[in-house]
Amino acid sequence: MERRPSRKMFRPRLDEMVTSIRNNIITGNLEPGQYLPSEKQLAEQVGLSVQSVRKGLDLLVGEGLIVKIPKVGSQVVDPAEKGAVTIRLGYSPTIPDDADIHRLIAMFHREHPNIRVQAVPLGGNSFEQFKPYLDNGMLDVITMNYDSFRQFSERGSLDDLECQQRKEELYPFLSDAFTEEGRLRVQPFVFSPLILCYNRSHFAERGLQEPNSSWSWQRLFECAEALDIPNERIGFHCYFSSAHRASLLLLQRGKAFERYGDGGLKLSGTRMMEAIRYSRHIYDTIPSLPNSLMNWDVQKIDMFRQGKLSVILTSYFILNHLRESDLDYDIAPVPHFGEALTVLLMIGLAVNRHSKHKEAARKLVDYLTGSEAQLFVRQNTCSLPARVTAADWSEPGRESINRPSRFSLFREIIPSYRLFTDLNIKEEEYRKLINGLKLYWAGLENEETFRSRFEAAAPAEPSVP
């Protein structure tokens, strides 16, 4: 008897098949006019049903990469036919989950049949990864988060990004963040604040009040202790060593970095050093995890989905991993020390100034930030579209995925959004700080050594006369 793949395995296998075929077409391993294996052969190769394989091939048809010829097979398309323009969209690893980008591309192709979009997966989001692709004109459009935008700014490379027209339909705080010297360099696409996500049944089981906007960190730790069940589940655990999670505590407790007269960052005797010290205290008090779970970002959502973890610090983007589950979960604002602040994450779309097809590239960006695509993101993912009316969409009874009941929480907490640059620190300085903090938080470096080493290494800026 044929064993069908579980729902949990179905999506990754299908995505892997589609991505593999797409990449082989883009790189020329599959040439125009060549036929793919039959649907039955593909199904056997990847362990899916013929019907599932057919759905995957339909995505490639929508992207204009293949055409289905009845009773013959699926043939790789020659972009030169019909005078089509081909542009390349470079995207970071999370974008398929964050925005279902391949279905959006298929929608774009239906509206613009003479523009072919080749989606090119990239290994990360750093300046060093992006820059060669842009300089060589290998990518026409690229997804870019705020950290990457700051890297381009600090390295004097913003002119590699084409100026774009500001859209009043998008949240202004997103456009403001991607604007420098009055020029919008990256068009906002999707965003999310950091939030708490929790298992409602665990709170009900213990008779505990669910998290709300008044929660302090101490209140969270007390509830986490009550939620703990030895050898069964952990109430709350979070590694604050990622840049975004670290900035949350530093913003809430330290506010902003002070500087010496020569521009170098100051830690000694500052409120920020107290915040860093408190962060280490958290590491000393939260439960430790076995080495088998040290790859925390990979394990966290699976542990939460399995009921092994009651509360996580996360984002709307990560909720996409729960959208097909039947878990009873909800969200709440992050705890604070008296003033509610959270970290804003955002992803935008940049047009390469060196692109030979800027007009087509702009049309893709306009479409992805337009009403149809943005509403699609809102209706089919847990990510927040940059377009105000799309983010505000709500139609009871039409929900097709598992969302938290407090999904609209993001609107209530907009005044609490902050960026890591509100810490009065540059992106390069902040990355160096995080690397040093990891040693300090792990107990591998004492406070005096960390402080003196970091202050000595901080790049000094010339003082303003």
Protein backbone atom coordinates (compact mmCIF):
# COMPACT_ATOMS: atom_id res chain seq x y z
CA MET A 1 0.00 0.00 0.00
CA GLU A 2 1.42 3.40 -0.98
CA ARG A 3 2.21 5.57 2.00
CA ARG A 4 1.33 9.20 1.45
CA PRO A 5 3.58 11.86 2.91
CA SER A 6 2.22 13.63 6.00
CA ARG A 7 0.94 17.17 5.72
CA LYS A 8 4.07 18.27 7.57
CA MET A 9 6.30 16.72 4.89
CA PHE A 10 4.15 17.54 1.87
CA ARG A 11 4.93 21.24 1.63
CA PRO A 12 8.74 20.99 2.01
CA ARG A 13 8.92 18.22 -0.62
CA LEU A 14 6.78 20.16 -3.07
CA ASP A 15 8.77 23.37 -2.51
CA GLU A 16 12.02 21.45 -2.97
CA MET A 17 10.84 19.98 -6.28
CA VAL A 18 9.63 23.34 -7.64
CA THR A 19 12.79 25.14 -6.49
CA SER A 20 15.04 22.49 -8.05
CA ILE A 21 13.31 22.67 -11.44
CA ARG A 22 13.24 26.48 -11.32
CA ASN A 23 16.96 26.71 -10.52
CA ASN A 24 17.86 24.24 -13.28
CA ILE A 25 15.95 26.38 -15.78
CA ILE A 26 17.51 29.64 -14.53
CA THR A 27 21.06 28.23 -14.60
CA GLY A 28 20.60 26.69 -18.05
CA ASN A 29 20.84 23.06 -16.93
CA LEU A 30 17.38 22.69 -18.45
CA GLU A 31 17.44 24.42 -21.83
CA PRO A 32 14.54 25.99 -23.76
CA GLY A 33 12.62 23.34 -25.64
CA GLN A 34 13.70 20.52 -23.32
CA TYR A 35 10.98 18.42 -21.68
CA LEU A 36 10.71 17.64 -17.97
CA PRO A 37 10.18 14.08 -16.76
CA SER A 38 6.52 13.04 -16.79
CA GLU A 39 4.31 13.89 -13.84
CA LYS A 40 4.32 10.21 -12.84
CA GLN A 41 8.13 10.06 -12.96
CA LEU A 42 8.46 13.24 -10.90
CA ALA A 43 5.97 11.91 -8.36
CA GLU A 44 8.06 8.77 -7.90
CA GLN A 45 11.30 10.77 -7.66
CA VAL A 46 10.12 13.16 -4.93
CA GLY A 47 7.66 10.92 -3.09
CA LEU A 48 4.50 12.91 -3.82
CA SER A 49 1.22 12.17 -5.53
CA VAL A 50 0.76 12.97 -9.22
CA GLN A 51 -1.86 15.54 -8.23
CA SER A 52 0.62 17.32 -5.95
CA VAL A 53 3.30 17.33 -8.65
CA ARG A 54 0.75 18.80 -11.05
CA LYS A 55 0.10 21.68 -8.65
CA GLY A 56 3.83 22.37 -8.45
CA LEU A 57 4.20 22.39 -12.21
CA ASP A 58 1.26 24.79 -12.45
CA LEU A 59 3.32 27.27 -10.40
CA LEU A 60 6.14 27.04 -12.96
CA VAL A 61 3.60 27.54 -15.75
CA GLY A 62 2.39 30.67 -13.96
CA GLU A 63 5.98 31.92 -13.72
CA GLY A 64 6.37 31.50 -17.45
CA LEU A 65 9.17 28.96 -17.09
CA ILE A 66 7.39 25.96 -18.65
CA VAL A 67 4.40 25.29 -20.84
CA LYS A 68 2.21 22.18 -20.69
CA ILE A 69 1.58 20.56 -24.05
CA PRO A 70 -1.42 18.17 -23.93
CA LYS A 71 -0.47 14.49 -24.39
CA VAL A 72 3.20 15.48 -24.82
CA GLY A 73 4.54 16.90 -21.55
CA SER A 74 5.95 19.97 -19.81
CA GLN A 75 8.39 21.94 -21.96
CA VAL A 76 10.90 24.58 -20.85
CA VAL A 77 9.97 27.93 -22.38
CA ASP A 78 12.32 30.13 -24.40
CA PRO A 79 11.96 33.66 -22.94
CA ALA A 80 12.91 35.12 -26.31
CA GLU A 81 9.61 33.91 -27.73
CA LYS A 82 6.97 36.62 -27.97
CA GLY A 83 9.62 39.25 -27.16
CA ALA A 84 9.42 38.69 -23.43
CA VAL A 85 11.74 40.55 -21.06
CA THR A 86 13.33 38.45 -18.33
CA ILE A 87 14.23 39.98 -14.96
CA ARG A 88 15.72 38.31 -11.91
CA LEU A 89 14.39 38.69 -8.40
CA GLY A 90 16.89 37.81 -5.67
CA TYR A 91 15.22 36.78 -2.44
CA SER A 92 16.42 35.85 1.04
CA PRO A 93 15.81 32.37 2.49
CA THR A 94 12.69 33.28 4.49
CA ILE A 95 10.73 35.00 1.70
CA PRO A 96 8.83 31.90 0.44
CA ASP A 97 7.39 31.50 3.95
CA ASP A 98 7.11 35.22 4.67
CA ALA A 99 5.19 36.14 1.52
CA ASP A 100 4.54 33.04 -0.64
CA ILE A 101 6.64 34.78 -3.27
CA HIS A 102 6.33 32.12 -5.99
CA ARG A 103 2.55 32.37 -6.10
CA LEU A 104 2.86 36.16 -6.21
CA ILE A 105 5.19 35.85 -9.20
CA ALA A 106 2.68 33.59 -10.93
CA MET A 107 0.00 36.26 -10.36
CA PHE A 108 2.33 38.92 -11.77
CA HIS A 109 2.91 36.85 -14.92
CA ARG A 110 -0.81 36.65 -15.59
CA GLU A 111 -1.02 40.44 -15.49
CA HIS A 112 2.29 41.07 -17.30
CA PRO A 113 2.78 38.13 -19.71
CA ASN A 114 5.69 39.86 -21.48
CA ILE A 115 7.79 40.12 -18.31
CA ARG A 116 9.31 36.88 -17.07
CA VAL A 117 10.53 36.80 -13.48
CA GLN A 118 13.23 34.35 -12.49
CA ALA A 119 13.28 33.95 -8.71
CA VAL A 120 16.85 33.49 -7.47
CA PRO A 121 17.30 32.25 -3.87
CA LEU A 122 20.14 33.95 -1.99
CA GLY A 123 22.09 32.63 0.96
CA GLY A 124 21.46 35.57 3.28
CA ASN A 125 20.90 39.31 3.64
CA SER A 126 24.35 40.84 3.99
CA PHE A 127 25.95 43.62 1.97
CA GLU A 128 28.81 41.30 1.03
CA GLN A 129 26.36 38.83 -0.51
CA PHE A 130 24.26 41.42 -2.34
CA LYS A 131 26.94 43.75 -3.70
CA PRO A 132 28.48 41.46 -6.39
CA TYR A 133 25.05 40.56 -7.76
CA LEU A 134 24.12 44.23 -8.07
CA ASP A 135 27.44 45.39 -9.54
CA ASN A 136 27.33 42.72 -12.25
CA GLY A 137 23.68 43.35 -13.08
CA MET A 138 22.86 39.74 -12.23
CA LEU A 139 19.78 40.76 -10.24
CA ASP A 140 17.20 43.39 -11.18
CA VAL A 141 15.19 43.40 -7.96
CA ILE A 142 16.28 42.25 -4.53
CA THR A 143 14.52 41.75 -1.19
CA MET A 144 16.22 43.78 1.53
CA ASN A 145 15.65 44.10 5.26
CA TYR A 146 16.47 47.15 7.36
CA ASP A 147 19.82 45.78 8.52
CA SER A 148 20.96 45.35 4.90
CA PHE A 149 19.73 48.83 4.03
CA ARG A 150 21.83 50.28 6.85
CA GLN A 151 24.87 48.32 5.61
CA PHE A 152 24.50 49.86 2.15
CA SER A 153 24.11 53.30 3.72
CA GLU A 154 27.16 53.02 5.99
CA ARG A 155 29.34 51.75 3.13
CA GLY A 156 28.30 54.60 0.86
CA SER A 157 26.57 52.28 -1.62
CA LEU A 158 22.99 53.54 -1.55
CA ASP A 159 23.43 54.77 -5.12
CA ASP A 160 23.45 51.11 -6.16
CA LEU A 161 19.74 51.19 -5.32
CA GLU A 162 17.41 53.04 -7.66
CA CYS A 163 15.36 55.83 -6.08
CA GLN A 164 11.67 54.94 -5.87
CA GLN A 165 8.42 56.85 -5.63
CA ARG A 166 6.98 57.01 -2.12
CA LYS A 167 3.53 55.40 -1.88
CA GLU A 168 1.10 57.05 0.48
CA GLU A 169 -0.89 53.79 0.63
CA LEU A 170 1.93 52.13 2.59
CA TYR A 171 2.60 52.65 6.29
CA PRO A 172 4.64 55.87 6.49
CA PHE A 173 6.90 54.60 9.30
CA LEU A 174 8.11 51.84 6.94
CA SER A 175 8.85 54.25 4.10
CA ASP A 176 10.57 56.64 6.51
CA ALA A 177 12.94 53.88 7.64
CA PHE A 178 14.00 53.11 4.06
CA THR A 179 14.48 56.80 3.21
CA GLU A 180 17.75 58.72 3.46
CA GLU A 181 18.31 62.38 2.49
CA GLY A 182 14.73 62.50 1.25
CA ARG A 183 15.18 59.58 -1.17
CA LEU A 184 13.31 56.30 -0.84
CA ARG A 185 15.74 53.53 -1.76
CA VAL A 186 13.71 50.46 -0.77
CA GLN A 187 9.95 50.05 -1.21
CA PRO A 188 8.33 48.49 1.89
CA PHE A 189 6.83 45.05 1.27
CA VAL A 190 6.06 43.19 4.54
CA PHE A 191 6.80 43.84 8.22
CA SER A 192 6.40 42.57 11.77
CA PRO A 193 7.04 43.68 15.34
CA LEU A 194 8.54 41.29 17.87
CA ILE A 195 5.71 39.73 19.91
CA LEU A 196 4.99 36.99 22.43
CA CYS A 197 3.30 33.81 21.19
CA TYR A 198 1.81 31.38 23.69
CA ASN A 199 -0.07 28.10 23.99
CA ARG A 200 -3.52 28.97 25.35
CA SER A 201 -4.27 25.48 26.63
CA HIS A 202 -1.17 25.55 28.85
CA PHE A 203 -2.36 28.74 30.55
CA ALA A 204 -5.89 27.35 30.98
CA GLU A 205 -4.51 24.11 32.39
CA ARG A 206 -2.60 26.01 35.10
CA GLY A 207 -5.38 28.53 35.72
CA LEU A 208 -3.10 31.40 34.68
CA GLN A 209 -4.11 34.71 33.16
CA GLU A 210 -3.00 35.00 29.53
CA PRO A 211 -0.33 37.61 28.72
CA ASN A 212 -1.41 41.21 28.14
CA SER A 213 0.14 44.63 27.54
CA SER A 214 0.78 45.22 31.25
CA TRP A 215 3.17 42.28 31.63
CA SER A 216 6.66 42.93 32.95
CA TRP A 217 9.55 40.57 32.31
CA GLN A 218 9.37 39.48 35.93
CA ARG A 219 5.71 38.55 35.45
CA LEU A 220 6.65 36.46 32.40
CA PHE A 221 9.37 34.62 34.32
CA GLU A 222 6.99 33.89 37.20
CA CYS A 223 4.36 32.44 34.84
CA ALA A 224 7.02 30.49 32.97
CA GLU A 225 8.03 28.84 36.23
CA ALA A 226 4.40 27.88 36.86
CA LEU A 227 4.08 26.51 33.32
CA ASP A 228 7.20 24.35 33.57
CA ILE A 229 6.71 20.59 33.85
CA PRO A 230 9.99 18.73 34.49
CA ASN A 231 10.91 16.33 31.70
CA GLU A 232 7.84 17.41 29.72
CA ARG A 233 7.84 21.10 28.79
CA ILE A 234 9.53 24.47 29.34
CA GLY A 235 7.50 27.55 30.23
CA PHE A 236 9.67 30.12 28.42
CA HIS A 237 13.09 30.12 26.85
CA CYS A 238 14.80 32.60 24.57
CA TYR A 239 18.35 33.16 23.41
CA PHE A 240 18.74 36.94 23.30
CA SER A 241 21.98 36.62 21.35
CA SER A 242 20.43 37.40 17.95
CA ALA A 243 20.68 41.05 16.94
CA HIS A 244 16.95 41.70 17.02
CA ARG A 245 16.20 39.98 20.32
CA ALA A 246 19.20 41.61 21.96
CA SER A 247 18.12 45.06 20.78
CA LEU A 248 14.73 44.56 22.46
CA LEU A 249 16.18 44.42 25.97
CA LEU A 250 18.77 47.12 25.23
CA LEU A 251 16.09 49.51 23.91
CA GLN A 252 13.72 48.87 26.80
CA ARG A 253 16.25 49.11 29.62
CA GLY A 254 19.21 51.01 28.18
CA LYS A 255 17.37 53.38 25.79
CA ALA A 256 20.37 54.63 23.75
CA PHE A 257 24.16 54.37 23.75
CA GLU A 258 26.16 57.30 25.01
CA ARG A 259 29.33 58.44 23.21
CA TYR A 260 32.65 59.94 24.17
CA GLY A 261 33.72 63.29 22.78
CA ASP A 262 35.60 61.62 19.93
CA GLY A 263 32.47 59.75 18.87
CA GLY A 264 33.39 56.37 20.33
CA LEU A 265 30.70 54.40 22.16
CA LYS A 266 30.68 54.63 25.94
CA LEU A 267 29.66 51.78 28.26
CA SER A 268 31.30 52.51 31.63
CA GLY A 269 28.82 53.86 34.15
CA THR A 270 25.97 54.09 31.66
CA ARG A 271 22.38 52.94 31.70
CA MET A 272 23.19 50.77 28.68
CA MET A 273 25.79 48.83 30.65
CA GLU A 274 23.12 48.17 33.28
CA ALA A 275 20.89 46.78 30.52
CA ILE A 276 23.69 44.53 29.28
CA ARG A 277 24.29 43.34 32.84
CA TYR A 278 20.59 42.55 33.27
CA SER A 279 20.60 40.59 30.01
CA ARG A 280 23.32 38.38 31.43
CA HIS A 281 21.24 37.90 34.57
CA ILE A 282 18.45 36.49 32.37
CA TYR A 283 20.86 33.94 30.92
CA ASP A 284 21.86 32.90 34.42
CA THR A 285 18.24 32.30 35.49
CA ILE A 286 16.34 30.84 32.52
CA PRO A 287 16.36 27.04 32.08
CA SER A 288 19.33 25.55 30.27
CA LEU A 289 18.81 23.35 27.23
CA PRO A 290 20.68 20.15 26.33
CA ASN A 291 23.24 20.30 23.53
CA SER A 292 20.83 18.49 21.19
CA LEU A 293 18.59 21.58 21.25
CA MET A 294 21.27 24.22 20.90
CA ASN A 295 20.27 24.97 17.30
CA TRP A 296 17.57 27.05 18.87
CA ASP A 297 16.03 28.85 15.90
CA VAL A 298 15.42 25.53 14.15
CA GLN A 299 14.05 23.77 17.21
CA LYS A 300 12.00 26.55 18.78
CA ILE A 301 8.93 26.47 16.56
CA ASP A 302 8.83 22.66 16.47
CA MET A 303 9.00 22.52 20.26
CA PHE A 304 6.19 25.07 20.51
CA ARG A 305 4.05 23.21 17.99
CA GLN A 306 4.57 19.95 19.89
CA GLY A 307 3.57 21.51 23.20
CA LYS A 308 7.10 21.27 24.63
CA LEU A 309 7.33 25.04 25.02
CA SER A 310 4.59 27.34 26.37
CA VAL A 311 5.75 30.85 25.43
CA ILE A 312 8.12 32.12 22.74
CA LEU A 313 9.43 35.52 21.70
CA THR A 314 8.82 35.70 17.97
CA SER A 315 7.37 37.66 15.03
CA TYR A 316 4.39 37.49 12.68
CA PHE A 317 6.79 36.04 10.09
CA ILE A 318 7.44 32.97 12.25
CA LEU A 319 3.69 32.47 12.77
CA ASN A 320 3.64 31.26 9.16
CA HIS A 321 5.05 27.97 10.46
CA LEU A 322 1.86 27.55 12.50
CA ARG A 323 -0.67 28.55 9.86
CA GLU A 324 -1.44 24.97 8.80
CA SER A 325 -1.45 23.56 12.32
CA ASP A 326 -4.45 23.02 14.60
CA LEU A 327 -2.66 24.49 17.63
CA ASP A 328 -4.70 26.73 19.95
CA TYR A 329 -2.34 29.68 20.29
CA ASP A 330 -2.47 33.45 20.58
CA ILE A 331 -0.16 36.47 20.70
CA ALA A 332 0.51 39.37 23.06
CA PRO A 333 2.82 42.40 23.29
CA VAL A 334 6.33 41.73 24.56
CA PRO A 335 6.92 42.36 28.28
CA HIS A 336 8.62 45.59 29.35
CA PHE A 337 10.09 47.52 32.28
CA GLY A 338 7.38 50.17 32.44
CA GLU A 339 7.53 51.64 28.93
CA ALA A 340 6.15 49.43 26.17
CA LEU A 341 8.73 49.17 23.36
CA THR A 342 9.24 46.49 20.73
CA VAL A 343 11.53 45.97 17.75
CA LEU A 344 10.27 46.49 14.21
CA LEU A 345 11.35 44.06 11.48
CA MET A 346 10.69 44.85 7.84
CA ILE A 347 11.46 43.62 4.36
CA GLY A 348 11.40 45.79 1.26
CA LEU A 349 12.12 45.61 -2.46
CA ALA A 350 15.09 47.40 -4.02
CA VAL A 351 15.68 47.98 -7.74
CA ASN A 352 19.24 47.58 -8.97
CA ARG A 353 20.56 50.83 -10.49
CA HIS A 354 22.70 48.71 -12.83
CA SER A 355 19.71 46.75 -14.16
CA LYS A 356 19.20 46.73 -17.93
CA HIS A 357 15.45 46.33 -17.41
CA LYS A 358 14.59 49.00 -14.84
CA GLU A 359 11.10 49.62 -16.22
CA ALA A 360 10.18 45.94 -15.92
CA ALA A 361 11.80 45.80 -12.48
CA ARG A 362 9.73 48.78 -11.31
CA LYS A 363 6.57 47.12 -12.59
CA LEU A 364 7.33 44.06 -10.48
CA VAL A 365 7.91 46.19 -7.37
CA ASP A 366 4.74 48.19 -8.06
CA TYR A 367 2.76 44.99 -8.42
CA LEU A 368 4.12 43.36 -5.26
CA THR A 369 3.31 46.49 -3.25
CA GLY A 370 -0.02 47.03 -5.02
CA SER A 371 -3.49 46.21 -3.73
CA GLU A 372 -3.88 42.73 -5.28
CA ALA A 373 -0.55 41.29 -4.14
CA GLN A 374 -0.68 42.91 -0.71
CA LEU A 375 -4.19 41.61 -0.07
CA PHE A 376 -3.00 38.16 -1.13
CA VAL A 377 -0.23 38.34 1.50
CA ARG A 378 -2.76 39.31 4.17
CA GLN A 379 -5.26 36.58 3.23
CA ASN A 380 -2.81 33.72 2.72
CA THR A 381 0.03 34.29 5.19
CA CYS A 382 0.53 35.52 8.75
CA SER A 383 2.93 38.25 7.58
CA LEU A 384 1.85 41.89 7.68
CA PRO A 385 1.61 43.65 4.29
CA ALA A 386 3.03 47.16 4.07
CA ARG A 387 -0.16 48.47 2.48
CA VAL A 388 -2.47 49.89 5.16
CA THR A 389 -5.80 48.74 3.69
CA ALA A 390 -4.44 45.22 3.09
CA ALA A 391 -3.08 44.92 6.64
CA ASP A 392 -6.45 46.10 7.99
CA TRP A 393 -8.39 43.49 5.98
CA SER A 394 -10.76 41.39 8.03
CA GLU A 395 -13.69 39.32 6.88
CA PRO A 396 -15.06 36.84 9.44
CA GLY A 397 -15.62 33.39 8.01
CA ARG A 398 -13.05 33.78 5.24
CA GLU A 399 -9.98 32.78 7.22
CA SER A 400 -8.26 29.92 5.41
CA ILE A 401 -5.30 29.52 7.79
CA ASN A 402 -4.80 29.20 11.54
CA ARG A 403 -4.30 32.73 12.86
CA PRO A 404 -4.23 33.96 16.45
CA SER A 405 -7.44 35.62 17.62
CA ARG A 406 -5.46 38.76 18.47
CA PHE A 407 -3.94 39.03 15.00
CA SER A 408 -4.81 42.75 14.78
CA LEU A 409 -2.62 43.40 17.83
CA PHE A 410 0.01 44.96 15.55
CA ARG A 411 -2.24 48.02 15.05
CA GLU A 412 -2.58 48.67 18.77
CA ILE A 413 1.17 48.66 19.41
CA ILE A 414 2.39 50.74 16.44
CA PRO A 415 3.49 53.59 18.79
CA SER A 416 5.85 51.12 20.50
CA TYR A 417 7.78 50.22 17.32
CA ARG A 418 11.50 50.95 17.38
CA LEU A 419 14.47 50.20 15.10
CA PHE A 420 17.87 49.02 16.31
CA THR A 421 19.34 52.34 15.10
CA ASP A 422 17.25 54.07 17.80
CA LEU A 423 19.97 52.75 20.10
CA ASN A 424 22.22 55.49 18.65
CA ILE A 425 24.50 52.91 17.08
CA LYS A 426 25.61 52.03 13.57
CA GLU A 427 24.96 48.66 12.01
CA GLU A 428 28.66 47.75 11.91
CA GLU A 429 29.16 48.79 15.53
CA TYR A 430 26.12 46.81 16.58
CA ARG A 431 27.28 43.60 14.90
CA LYS A 432 30.61 43.86 16.72
CA LEU A 433 28.78 44.50 19.98
CA ILE A 434 26.60 41.40 19.57
CA ASN A 435 29.64 39.22 18.89
CA GLY A 436 31.23 40.46 22.11
CA LEU A 437 28.01 40.09 24.08
CA LYS A 438 27.74 36.42 23.17
CA LEU A 439 31.01 35.76 25.02
CA TYR A 440 29.98 37.92 27.97
CA TRP A 441 26.50 36.35 28.25
CA ALA A 442 28.01 32.87 28.04
CA GLY A 443 30.27 33.64 31.01
CA LEU A 444 33.41 33.36 28.87
CA GLU A 445 34.39 36.97 29.46
CA ASN A 446 33.99 39.13 32.55
CA GLU A 447 32.37 42.54 32.50
CA GLU A 448 35.56 44.57 32.76
CA THR A 449 37.24 42.72 29.90
CA PHE A 450 34.14 42.98 27.70
CA ARG A 451 33.66 46.67 28.41
CA SER A 452 37.26 47.73 27.90
CA ARG A 453 37.70 45.59 24.79
CA PHE A 454 34.55 46.88 23.17
CA GLU A 455 35.16 50.54 23.98
CA ALA A 456 38.69 50.24 22.60
CA ALA A 457 37.41 48.58 19.42
CA ALA A 458 34.50 50.95 18.83
CA PRO A 459 35.22 53.08 15.75
CA ALA A 460 35.67 56.70 16.69
CA GLU A 461 34.02 59.44 14.67
CA PRO A 462 35.53 62.90 14.28
CA SER A 463 33.95 65.34 16.69
CA VAL A 464 31.93 68.17 15.20
CA PRO A 465 33.69 71.50 15.70
